[in-house]
Amino acid sequence: MSQIKVTPLFVEGAYVIEFPQYKDHRGYFEELYNVTKYPEEIPITKIQQLSTSHSHANVFRGLHCSPYYKLVTCVSGEVYDIIADVREDSSTYLKWVRVRLTAENHKQVFVPAGCAHAFYATKDNSIMVYAQGGTFNPVSDRTISWKDPVLCIQLPTCDDVIISEKDAKAVDLQLDPIKFKSNRKRILVIGASGKLGSAICSYVDENCEDMITLKTHFEHRVSKGSMKYDLELAGKDQDHADDVLDICCPQVVIICGSWTNVGQCDIEPDKSAEVMIKGPVNIAKCAKRRGIKVVAISTDYVFDGKRGIKDGPYNEADVANPFSAYGKNKYEMEKQIIDATNGDALIVRTTTVNGKDHRQFGAFYTLYEYLMSGKEFFVPEATRSPTYVKDLAKIVIELIKNDAKGIIHGCGDEIGSLLDYFQKVTVVMGFDPNLIKTRERNKYQPEYSAMSSDKRKKLLPNFKSRSTEEAVRDWMDMEEEFCNKIKQKYSK
């Protein structure tokens, strides 16, 4: 028998489950639950109540909050099933998702205990089956208004919603309006497990009370409430590209995820094109139809690097002329996304991004260990405008706030050779800068790809990027535990 497919949603502990259906000339058979096939991560204990509901089109039921789980399946018609996290101790508190359930798509939703649940029927004769971990109790179950201004739940349509008297009288969460802003802008970050995606989410969570982030990952799930998403599949299937937008209803989508192995792009051109061009472009097309702002991250590798220091850094109006497959893919992504959004998209080009990474991956981490071990560290003979990831995250969000569009360079203000840059980094780390040596560039790396910040400075006059020294000190403060571990490793 085929195995079920389980996908975590943007709400901690919530899952969408796809189960097989077996058809023949008689009709079909499907298992709505089988204890031997559901993974332990879905905490389904003894089912206490099994219920069904029948709804006409435009019927809304909810938001109902229960102290027990619910496993919800649509066996006829079509509904949008909604889960809102109202658990104050949850990492995804006040986030919500919606999942389209039909009799044909073989999906069901697991609603964690303590979350508010609702659904909106889009077709007549919509029949839902609920398997519950507890029984209804008016003392412990409560109803929350689906129009709560902090949750700000979106239905596919709000025309002629049919609702019960009880649900219509439900009150909102009555949260502190100073602490919890109404109508927060929903920011979907594709690739939130990467260095930049993670930094963007952290910046929003710590500084933007009027925004909320929704995270996707591909390989590394770094936080609860992050949903797995495959850019390669999005490139092959526009429905997959659209599904994530339908589930989380963002106002902005930031495409940070990409193919980061530069040399491998030449070896696997078709696969890299799916990830770097077709996936992001399909997302942009779907986002445009839904009125969602698109932001995509690009690179200095769109330039051939043939200009010299005397010519100055590249600006946004300079002609791109990439020579590597990686650079060509990024440039093609830029052009197609701008075209797909009629010029409304924001493309942020950046270069030599360093800083905190949850995987402890990147130049700063490798460099620190090399230096601590006494090894020499080799850098290519190239000129760049290095960027601190926390600065880049702020640039991206502040540009979104300003409704910026077109191509903008998001990079550091200092321009120089990578030798000079890493020697500065080494001094701050407390080591001999002579351990930094140069090597020849590989065939994928432009010689000079420093980029001008002038356009960004005009758009964000109050923003100033950190110096190299400030950036390294900040990184060392955040990664004190890592640094101490490396010190102990080489002090033995």
Protein backbone atom coordinates (compact mmCIF):
# COMPACT_ATOMS: atom_id res chain seq x y z
CA MET A 1 0.00 0.00 0.00
CA SER A 2 1.10 3.58 -0.67
CA GLN A 3 2.35 5.55 2.27
CA ILE A 4 0.76 8.77 3.43
CA LYS A 5 2.58 12.06 2.94
CA VAL A 6 2.82 14.38 5.95
CA THR A 7 3.77 18.06 5.60
CA PRO A 8 4.19 20.40 8.60
CA LEU A 9 2.32 23.68 8.24
CA PHE A 10 3.13 27.24 9.32
CA VAL A 11 1.41 26.61 12.68
CA GLU A 12 3.45 24.62 15.19
CA GLY A 13 2.15 21.06 15.43
CA ALA A 14 -0.29 21.40 12.51
CA TYR A 15 0.01 19.11 9.49
CA VAL A 16 -1.56 18.51 6.13
CA ILE A 17 -1.77 14.82 5.34
CA GLU A 18 -2.18 13.33 1.87
CA PHE A 19 -3.53 9.79 1.83
CA PRO A 20 -3.96 7.31 -1.04
CA GLN A 21 -7.25 6.50 -2.71
CA TYR A 22 -7.78 3.17 -4.47
CA LYS A 23 -10.14 3.23 -7.45
CA ASP A 24 -11.58 0.51 -9.63
CA HIS A 25 -14.74 -0.13 -11.64
CA ARG A 26 -16.83 -0.25 -8.43
CA GLY A 27 -15.75 3.16 -7.13
CA TYR A 28 -13.01 3.81 -4.59
CA PHE A 29 -11.68 2.91 -1.16
CA GLU A 30 -9.64 5.11 1.17
CA GLU A 31 -8.47 4.98 4.78
CA LEU A 32 -9.23 8.17 6.68
CA TYR A 33 -7.02 6.97 9.53
CA ASN A 34 -4.81 3.96 10.17
CA VAL A 35 -2.80 3.91 13.39
CA THR A 36 -0.03 1.82 11.81
CA LYS A 37 0.61 4.36 9.03
CA TYR A 38 0.58 7.71 10.81
CA PRO A 39 3.98 8.85 12.14
CA GLU A 40 4.58 9.44 15.83
CA GLU A 41 5.11 13.16 15.23
CA ILE A 42 1.33 13.45 14.80
CA PRO A 43 0.05 12.93 18.36
CA ILE A 44 -3.17 11.04 17.63
CA THR A 45 -4.13 9.18 20.77
CA LYS A 46 -7.42 7.42 21.43
CA ILE A 47 -10.18 8.95 19.30
CA GLN A 48 -13.00 10.05 21.63
CA GLN A 49 -15.58 11.40 19.19
CA LEU A 50 -16.31 10.99 15.47
CA SER A 51 -18.54 13.64 13.90
CA THR A 52 -19.73 14.82 10.50
CA SER A 53 -21.10 18.13 9.26
CA HIS A 54 -22.92 19.08 6.06
CA SER A 55 -22.63 22.63 4.71
CA HIS A 56 -23.97 24.66 1.83
CA ALA A 57 -21.75 26.95 -0.21
CA ASN A 58 -20.58 30.07 1.71
CA VAL A 59 -21.15 28.49 5.12
CA PHE A 60 -18.50 29.42 7.69
CA ARG A 61 -18.11 27.41 10.90
CA GLY A 62 -15.71 28.69 13.58
CA LEU A 63 -13.42 29.73 15.04
CA HIS A 64 -13.80 26.93 17.58
CA CYS A 65 -11.05 26.34 20.10
CA SER A 66 -10.86 22.98 21.87
CA PRO A 67 -8.42 21.45 24.37
CA TYR A 68 -8.07 18.34 22.17
CA TYR A 69 -6.78 17.57 18.67
CA LYS A 70 -8.92 17.20 15.56
CA LEU A 71 -8.23 15.20 12.40
CA VAL A 72 -10.40 16.76 9.71
CA THR A 73 -11.28 15.34 6.28
CA CYS A 74 -13.54 16.57 3.47
CA VAL A 75 -15.39 13.65 1.86
CA SER A 76 -17.67 15.72 -0.39
CA GLY A 77 -17.56 19.21 -1.86
CA GLU A 78 -14.81 21.71 -1.09
CA VAL A 79 -13.78 23.74 1.94
CA TYR A 80 -10.95 25.97 3.10
CA ASP A 81 -9.90 24.60 6.47
CA ILE A 82 -8.40 27.18 8.82
CA ILE A 83 -6.10 26.73 11.82
CA ALA A 84 -5.27 29.74 14.01
CA ASP A 85 -2.67 29.42 16.74
CA VAL A 86 -4.05 31.02 19.92
CA ARG A 87 -1.70 29.16 22.28
CA GLU A 88 0.25 31.84 24.14
CA ASP A 89 3.22 29.53 24.74
CA SER A 90 3.53 28.53 21.09
CA SER A 91 6.39 29.64 18.82
CA THR A 92 3.77 30.42 16.15
CA TYR A 93 1.33 32.27 18.40
CA LEU A 94 -1.24 34.27 16.38
CA LYS A 95 -0.21 32.77 13.04
CA TRP A 96 -2.78 31.00 10.91
CA VAL A 97 -3.01 28.88 7.78
CA ARG A 98 -5.74 27.69 5.48
CA VAL A 99 -5.75 24.45 3.48
CA ARG A 100 -8.06 23.64 0.58
CA LEU A 101 -9.71 20.27 1.19
CA THR A 102 -11.80 18.46 -1.39
CA ALA A 103 -13.10 14.94 -1.91
CA GLU A 104 -10.68 14.67 -4.82
CA ASN A 105 -7.36 15.98 -3.46
CA HIS A 106 -7.14 13.33 -0.69
CA LYS A 107 -5.91 15.76 1.94
CA GLN A 108 -6.79 16.06 5.60
CA VAL A 109 -5.63 18.43 8.30
CA PHE A 110 -4.38 17.73 11.82
CA VAL A 111 -5.41 20.54 14.19
CA PRO A 112 -3.32 20.61 17.39
CA ALA A 113 -5.00 20.84 20.76
CA GLY A 114 -5.55 24.44 21.85
CA CYS A 115 -5.64 25.88 18.33
CA ALA A 116 -8.72 27.59 16.94
CA HIS A 117 -10.30 25.81 13.99
CA ALA A 118 -12.78 26.78 11.30
CA PHE A 119 -13.71 26.05 7.74
CA TYR A 120 -15.39 27.89 4.90
CA ALA A 121 -17.39 25.86 2.36
CA THR A 122 -16.97 26.98 -1.24
CA LYS A 123 -19.35 24.39 -2.71
CA ASP A 124 -22.74 22.95 -1.86
CA ASN A 125 -22.94 19.53 -0.25
CA SER A 126 -19.61 19.92 1.54
CA ILE A 127 -19.31 17.13 4.08
CA MET A 128 -16.63 17.09 6.76
CA VAL A 129 -15.55 14.23 9.01
CA TYR A 130 -13.94 15.03 12.37
CA ALA A 131 -11.95 12.53 14.43
CA GLN A 132 -11.49 14.17 17.85
CA GLY A 133 -9.20 13.49 20.78
CA GLY A 134 -11.92 14.65 23.17
CA THR A 135 -15.65 15.30 23.36
CA PHE A 136 -17.35 18.64 23.01
CA ASN A 137 -17.71 20.43 26.34
CA PRO A 138 -19.20 23.95 26.41
CA VAL A 139 -17.17 24.70 29.54
CA SER A 140 -13.74 24.04 27.98
CA ASP A 141 -14.51 24.76 24.32
CA ARG A 142 -14.70 28.41 23.25
CA THR A 143 -15.54 30.37 20.12
CA ILE A 144 -13.41 33.24 18.75
CA SER A 145 -14.53 35.75 16.16
CA TRP A 146 -13.08 35.00 12.74
CA LYS A 147 -12.90 38.77 12.22
CA ASP A 148 -10.37 39.21 15.03
CA PRO A 149 -8.23 42.17 13.86
CA VAL A 150 -4.93 40.69 15.04
CA LEU A 151 -5.47 37.31 13.38
CA CYS A 152 -6.86 39.04 10.28
CA ILE A 153 -7.97 35.78 8.65
CA GLN A 154 -8.63 35.88 4.91
CA LEU A 155 -11.35 33.86 3.21
CA PRO A 156 -11.38 33.15 -0.54
CA THR A 157 -14.42 35.43 -0.66
CA CYS A 158 -16.40 37.25 2.01
CA ASP A 159 -19.58 37.64 -0.03
CA ASP A 160 -22.78 36.43 1.66
CA VAL A 161 -21.05 34.41 4.38
CA ILE A 162 -23.56 32.15 6.14
CA ILE A 163 -22.77 31.81 9.84
CA SER A 164 -24.54 30.60 12.96
CA GLU A 165 -25.88 33.02 15.55
CA LYS A 166 -23.40 31.63 18.08
CA ASP A 167 -20.38 32.16 15.80
CA ALA A 168 -21.63 35.61 14.77
CA LYS A 169 -21.72 36.70 18.42
CA ALA A 170 -18.21 35.45 19.17
CA VAL A 171 -15.80 38.05 20.50
CA ASP A 172 -12.24 38.60 19.35
CA LEU A 173 -9.14 37.76 21.39
CA GLN A 174 -9.15 41.23 23.00
CA LEU A 175 -5.37 41.53 22.95
CA ASP A 176 -3.36 44.57 23.98
CA PRO A 177 -3.42 46.83 20.87
CA ILE A 178 -0.06 48.32 21.79
CA LYS A 179 1.67 44.94 21.94
CA PHE A 180 -0.30 43.22 19.18
CA LYS A 181 -0.93 45.31 16.09
CA SER A 182 -3.99 44.78 13.90
CA ASN A 183 -3.80 43.86 10.22
CA ARG A 184 -0.14 42.90 10.29
CA LYS A 185 1.51 42.46 6.90
CA ARG A 186 2.19 38.78 6.23
CA ILE A 187 5.69 38.14 4.85
CA LEU A 188 6.36 34.73 3.29
CA VAL A 189 10.07 33.91 3.25
CA ILE A 190 11.01 31.18 0.77
CA GLY A 191 14.26 29.73 2.08
CA ALA A 192 13.98 30.92 5.67
CA SER A 193 16.48 28.32 6.85
CA GLY A 194 19.33 29.96 4.92
CA LYS A 195 21.60 32.71 6.16
CA LEU A 196 19.66 35.62 4.68
CA GLY A 197 16.18 34.13 5.11
CA SER A 198 16.84 33.48 8.78
CA ALA A 199 18.20 37.01 9.26
CA ILE A 200 15.13 38.53 7.61
CA CYS A 201 12.80 36.59 9.90
CA SER A 202 14.81 37.62 12.96
CA TYR A 203 14.81 41.27 11.91
CA VAL A 204 11.04 41.29 11.40
CA ASP A 205 10.32 39.44 14.63
CA GLU A 206 12.51 41.82 16.65
CA ASN A 207 11.78 45.16 14.97
CA CYS A 208 8.55 45.14 12.96
CA GLU A 209 5.38 45.01 15.07
CA ASP A 210 3.26 45.53 11.96
CA MET A 211 4.65 42.45 10.16
CA ILE A 212 4.61 38.71 10.68
CA THR A 213 6.81 36.13 8.96
CA LEU A 214 5.87 32.74 7.53
CA LYS A 215 8.81 30.45 6.82
CA THR A 216 9.65 27.74 4.34
CA HIS A 217 12.67 25.47 4.19
CA PHE A 218 13.97 22.80 1.84
CA GLU A 219 16.45 20.58 3.69
CA HIS A 220 17.00 22.19 7.08
CA ARG A 221 13.96 22.88 9.22
CA VAL A 222 15.33 25.24 11.84
CA SER A 223 12.14 26.27 13.59
CA LYS A 224 8.71 24.90 14.37
CA GLY A 225 6.11 26.32 12.05
CA SER A 226 8.40 26.20 9.00
CA MET A 227 6.90 24.47 5.95
CA LYS A 228 8.96 22.39 3.53
CA TYR A 229 8.96 23.82 0.02
CA ASP A 230 10.75 22.67 -3.13
CA LEU A 231 11.73 25.35 -5.66
CA GLU A 232 12.64 22.71 -8.23
CA LEU A 233 9.12 21.27 -8.02
CA ALA A 234 7.69 24.79 -8.20
CA GLY A 235 9.60 25.19 -11.46
CA LYS A 236 8.02 22.06 -12.89
CA ASP A 237 4.52 22.52 -11.50
CA GLN A 238 2.85 25.92 -11.23
CA ASP A 239 0.20 24.44 -8.92
CA HIS A 240 2.97 23.69 -6.40
CA ALA A 241 4.19 27.26 -6.78
CA ASP A 242 0.70 28.53 -6.06
CA ASP A 243 -0.17 26.17 -3.19
CA VAL A 244 2.09 27.85 -0.65
CA LEU A 245 0.57 31.25 -1.47
CA ASP A 246 -2.93 29.84 -1.11
CA ILE A 247 -2.08 28.28 2.25
CA CYS A 248 -0.59 31.34 3.95
CA CYS A 249 -2.10 34.33 2.05
CA PRO A 250 0.90 36.68 2.28
CA GLN A 251 1.04 40.30 1.19
CA VAL A 252 4.74 39.89 0.33
CA VAL A 253 6.81 36.90 -0.78
CA ILE A 254 10.60 37.09 -0.47
CA ILE A 255 12.44 34.49 -2.56
CA CYS A 256 15.73 33.85 -0.74
CA GLY A 257 16.03 30.18 -1.62
CA SER A 258 18.28 29.34 -4.54
CA TRP A 259 20.94 27.01 -5.89
CA THR A 260 24.05 28.04 -3.99
CA ASN A 261 26.63 25.67 -5.50
CA VAL A 262 27.99 27.94 -8.23
CA GLY A 263 30.11 25.36 -10.05
CA GLN A 264 27.38 22.71 -9.99
CA CYS A 265 25.16 24.92 -12.16
CA ASP A 266 27.34 24.06 -15.16
CA ILE A 267 27.21 20.35 -14.34
CA GLU A 268 23.43 20.23 -13.80
CA PRO A 269 22.10 23.06 -16.01
CA ASP A 270 18.49 21.81 -16.23
CA LYS A 271 18.06 21.24 -12.51
CA SER A 272 19.73 24.51 -11.57
CA ALA A 273 17.48 26.36 -14.02
CA GLU A 274 14.37 24.84 -12.41
CA VAL A 275 15.51 26.04 -8.97
CA MET A 276 16.95 29.43 -9.95
CA ILE A 277 14.68 30.56 -12.80
CA LYS A 278 11.51 28.57 -13.33
CA GLY A 279 10.60 28.10 -9.66
CA PRO A 280 10.95 31.77 -8.67
CA VAL A 281 9.27 32.92 -11.90
CA ASN A 282 6.29 30.60 -11.37
CA ILE A 283 5.95 31.94 -7.82
CA ALA A 284 6.09 35.49 -9.21
CA LYS A 285 3.38 34.74 -11.79
CA CYS A 286 1.07 33.25 -9.16
CA ALA A 287 1.83 36.10 -6.75
CA LYS A 288 1.00 38.72 -9.38
CA ARG A 289 -2.41 37.12 -9.97
CA ARG A 290 -3.08 37.27 -6.23
CA GLY A 291 -1.84 40.85 -5.77
CA ILE A 292 1.19 39.79 -3.73
CA LYS A 293 4.41 41.84 -3.75
CA VAL A 294 7.41 39.85 -5.05
CA VAL A 295 10.96 40.30 -3.77
CA ALA A 296 13.82 38.21 -5.18
CA ILE A 297 17.48 38.08 -4.20
CA SER A 298 20.09 38.22 -6.95
CA THR A 299 23.86 38.48 -7.19
CA ASP A 300 26.91 40.40 -8.35
CA TYR A 301 27.66 37.45 -10.64
CA VAL A 302 25.37 39.04 -13.24
CA PHE A 303 28.39 41.24 -14.10
CA ASP A 304 31.41 40.01 -16.03
CA GLY A 305 33.86 41.77 -13.70
CA LYS A 306 35.95 43.23 -16.50
CA ARG A 307 35.84 46.80 -15.32
CA GLY A 308 38.68 48.00 -13.14
CA ILE A 309 38.94 49.91 -9.90
CA LYS A 310 39.37 53.15 -11.86
CA ASP A 311 35.91 52.64 -13.41
CA GLY A 312 34.24 52.45 -10.00
CA PRO A 313 31.61 50.02 -8.74
CA TYR A 314 28.76 48.71 -10.86
CA ASN A 315 25.46 50.54 -10.52
CA GLU A 316 21.97 49.30 -11.33
CA ALA A 317 21.97 50.84 -14.81
CA ASP A 318 25.16 49.10 -15.91
CA VAL A 319 24.75 46.35 -18.49
CA ALA A 320 24.78 42.86 -17.03
CA ASN A 321 26.94 40.35 -18.87
CA PRO A 322 27.20 37.14 -16.85
CA PHE A 323 29.66 34.47 -18.00
CA SER A 324 28.93 31.63 -15.55
CA ALA A 325 25.81 29.46 -15.58
CA TYR A 326 25.07 30.68 -12.06
CA GLY A 327 25.21 34.34 -13.11
CA LYS A 328 23.22 33.66 -16.28
CA ASN A 329 20.49 31.90 -14.29
CA LYS A 330 20.23 34.79 -11.84
CA TYR A 331 20.10 37.37 -14.61
CA GLU A 332 17.41 35.42 -16.45
CA MET A 333 15.44 35.19 -13.19
CA GLU A 334 15.66 38.96 -12.79
CA LYS A 335 14.35 39.65 -16.28
CA GLN A 336 11.52 37.13 -16.17
CA ILE A 337 10.30 38.16 -12.70
CA ILE A 338 10.27 41.83 -13.67
CA ASP A 339 8.33 40.90 -16.81
CA ALA A 340 5.90 38.60 -14.94
CA THR A 341 5.06 41.35 -12.44
CA ASN A 342 4.90 44.21 -14.95
CA GLY A 343 7.84 45.86 -13.23
CA ASP A 344 6.34 45.79 -9.73
CA ALA A 345 8.83 43.28 -8.29
CA LEU A 346 11.83 44.25 -6.19
CA ILE A 347 15.14 42.62 -7.12
CA VAL A 348 17.90 43.02 -4.52
CA ARG A 349 21.39 42.21 -5.78
CA THR A 350 24.00 41.43 -3.18
CA THR A 351 27.53 40.08 -2.81
CA THR A 352 29.88 38.32 -0.39
CA VAL A 353 27.29 37.88 2.35
CA ASN A 354 28.70 36.87 5.73
CA GLY A 355 27.30 36.58 9.24
CA LYS A 356 25.37 34.28 11.52
CA ASP A 357 24.18 30.98 10.08
CA HIS A 358 22.25 28.43 12.13
CA ARG A 359 24.20 25.64 10.37
CA GLN A 360 27.45 27.40 11.34
CA PHE A 361 28.28 27.44 7.66
CA GLY A 362 30.10 30.18 5.79
CA ALA A 363 33.33 32.11 5.54
CA PHE A 364 33.43 33.49 9.09
CA TYR A 365 33.00 30.02 10.62
CA THR A 366 35.54 28.36 8.33
CA LEU A 367 37.98 31.23 8.72
CA TYR A 368 37.83 31.19 12.52
CA GLU A 369 38.60 27.49 12.70
CA TYR A 370 41.42 27.79 10.17
CA LEU A 371 42.98 30.63 12.13
CA MET A 372 42.61 28.85 15.44
CA SER A 373 44.35 25.79 13.97
CA GLY A 374 47.16 27.94 12.56
CA LYS A 375 46.31 27.19 8.94
CA GLU A 376 46.59 29.72 6.17
CA PHE A 377 43.31 30.85 4.59
CA PHE A 378 43.24 31.47 0.85
CA VAL A 379 40.93 33.96 -0.88
CA PRO A 380 40.56 34.69 -4.59
CA GLU A 381 42.20 37.72 -6.17
CA ALA A 382 39.01 39.73 -6.52
CA THR A 383 37.36 43.01 -5.54
CA ARG A 384 33.99 43.06 -3.82
CA SER A 385 31.66 45.13 -1.63
CA PRO A 386 31.19 42.65 1.26
CA THR A 387 27.81 42.57 2.98
CA TYR A 388 26.86 41.77 6.56
CA VAL A 389 23.76 39.58 6.55
CA LYS A 390 21.94 41.53 9.30
CA ASP A 391 22.41 44.73 7.28
CA LEU A 392 21.09 43.04 4.15
CA ALA A 393 18.03 41.79 6.02
CA LYS A 394 17.25 45.31 7.19
CA ILE A 395 17.79 46.70 3.69
CA VAL A 396 15.30 44.21 2.22
CA ILE A 397 12.59 44.92 4.79
CA GLU A 398 13.02 48.69 4.74
CA LEU A 399 12.82 48.68 0.93
CA ILE A 400 9.58 46.70 1.19
CA LYS A 401 8.20 49.28 3.61
CA ASN A 402 9.02 51.95 1.01
CA ASP A 403 7.29 49.91 -1.72
CA ALA A 404 10.51 49.95 -3.71
CA LYS A 405 10.54 48.20 -7.07
CA GLY A 406 13.02 47.40 -9.80
CA ILE A 407 16.67 46.45 -9.28
CA ILE A 408 18.50 47.78 -6.21
CA HIS A 409 21.96 46.87 -4.97
CA GLY A 410 21.91 45.73 -1.35
CA CYS A 411 25.53 45.49 -0.30
CA GLY A 412 28.07 46.92 2.10
CA ASP A 413 29.52 50.39 1.60
CA GLU A 414 33.17 49.32 1.80
CA ILE A 415 34.88 48.34 -1.45
CA GLY A 416 38.19 46.54 -1.63
CA SER A 417 40.06 43.35 -2.39
CA LEU A 418 39.02 40.16 -0.64
CA LEU A 419 42.56 40.02 0.70
CA ASP A 420 42.13 43.36 2.49
CA TYR A 421 38.64 42.41 3.69
CA PHE A 422 39.64 39.08 5.23
CA GLN A 423 42.76 40.55 6.75
CA LYS A 424 40.55 43.08 8.56
CA VAL A 425 38.27 40.24 9.67
CA THR A 426 41.28 38.27 10.92
CA VAL A 427 42.59 41.16 13.01
CA VAL A 428 39.22 41.59 14.75
CA MET A 429 39.13 37.84 15.41
CA GLY A 430 42.49 38.26 17.14
CA PHE A 431 44.84 36.54 14.71
CA ASP A 432 47.77 37.35 12.42
CA PRO A 433 46.48 38.90 9.15
CA ASN A 434 49.46 37.36 7.33
CA LEU A 435 47.64 34.02 7.55
CA ILE A 436 45.39 35.32 4.76
CA LYS A 437 46.80 34.53 1.32
CA THR A 438 45.53 34.96 -2.23
CA ARG A 439 44.88 32.36 -4.89
CA GLU A 440 43.76 32.53 -8.48
CA ARG A 441 40.05 32.96 -9.05
CA ASN A 442 38.16 29.95 -10.31
CA LYS A 443 36.48 30.18 -13.71
CA TYR A 444 33.12 31.15 -12.22
CA GLN A 445 34.26 34.18 -10.23
CA PRO A 446 34.32 37.72 -11.68
CA GLU A 447 37.47 39.70 -10.94
CA TYR A 448 35.77 42.99 -10.04
CA SER A 449 32.14 42.92 -8.99
CA ALA A 450 31.92 45.63 -6.35
CA MET A 451 28.51 47.31 -6.49
CA SER A 452 27.45 50.87 -5.79
CA SER A 453 25.13 51.63 -2.86
CA ASP A 454 24.16 55.09 -4.12
CA LYS A 455 20.61 54.17 -5.18
CA ARG A 456 19.94 52.39 -1.90
CA LYS A 457 21.31 55.38 0.04
CA LYS A 458 18.84 57.69 -1.67
CA LEU A 459 15.93 55.35 -0.91
CA LEU A 460 17.06 54.66 2.68
CA PRO A 461 18.89 57.82 3.78
CA ASN A 462 18.80 56.89 7.47
CA PHE A 463 20.39 53.48 7.00
CA LYS A 464 24.14 53.00 7.38
CA SER A 465 25.80 49.64 6.90
CA ARG A 466 28.22 48.35 9.52
CA SER A 467 31.95 48.53 8.96
CA THR A 468 33.83 45.26 8.58
CA GLU A 469 35.10 45.59 12.15
CA GLU A 470 31.61 46.25 13.56
CA ALA A 471 30.16 43.31 11.65
CA VAL A 472 32.79 40.84 12.87
CA ARG A 473 32.47 41.96 16.48
CA ASP A 474 28.70 41.55 16.26
CA TRP A 475 29.09 38.07 14.79
CA MET A 476 31.54 37.05 17.51
CA ASP A 477 29.16 38.26 20.21
CA MET A 478 26.33 36.19 18.75
CA GLU A 479 28.52 33.13 18.15
CA GLU A 480 30.46 33.21 21.41
CA GLU A 481 29.56 29.58 22.07
CA PHE A 482 30.90 28.52 18.67
CA CYS A 483 34.13 30.46 19.16
CA ASN A 484 34.68 28.95 22.61
CA LYS A 485 34.08 25.46 21.23
CA ILE A 486 36.71 25.98 18.52
CA LYS A 487 39.14 27.39 21.08
CA GLN A 488 38.71 24.33 23.27
CA LYS A 489 39.12 22.02 20.27
CA TYR A 490 42.56 23.41 19.40
CA SER A 491 43.78 24.05 22.94
CA LYS A 492 43.98 20.35 23.72
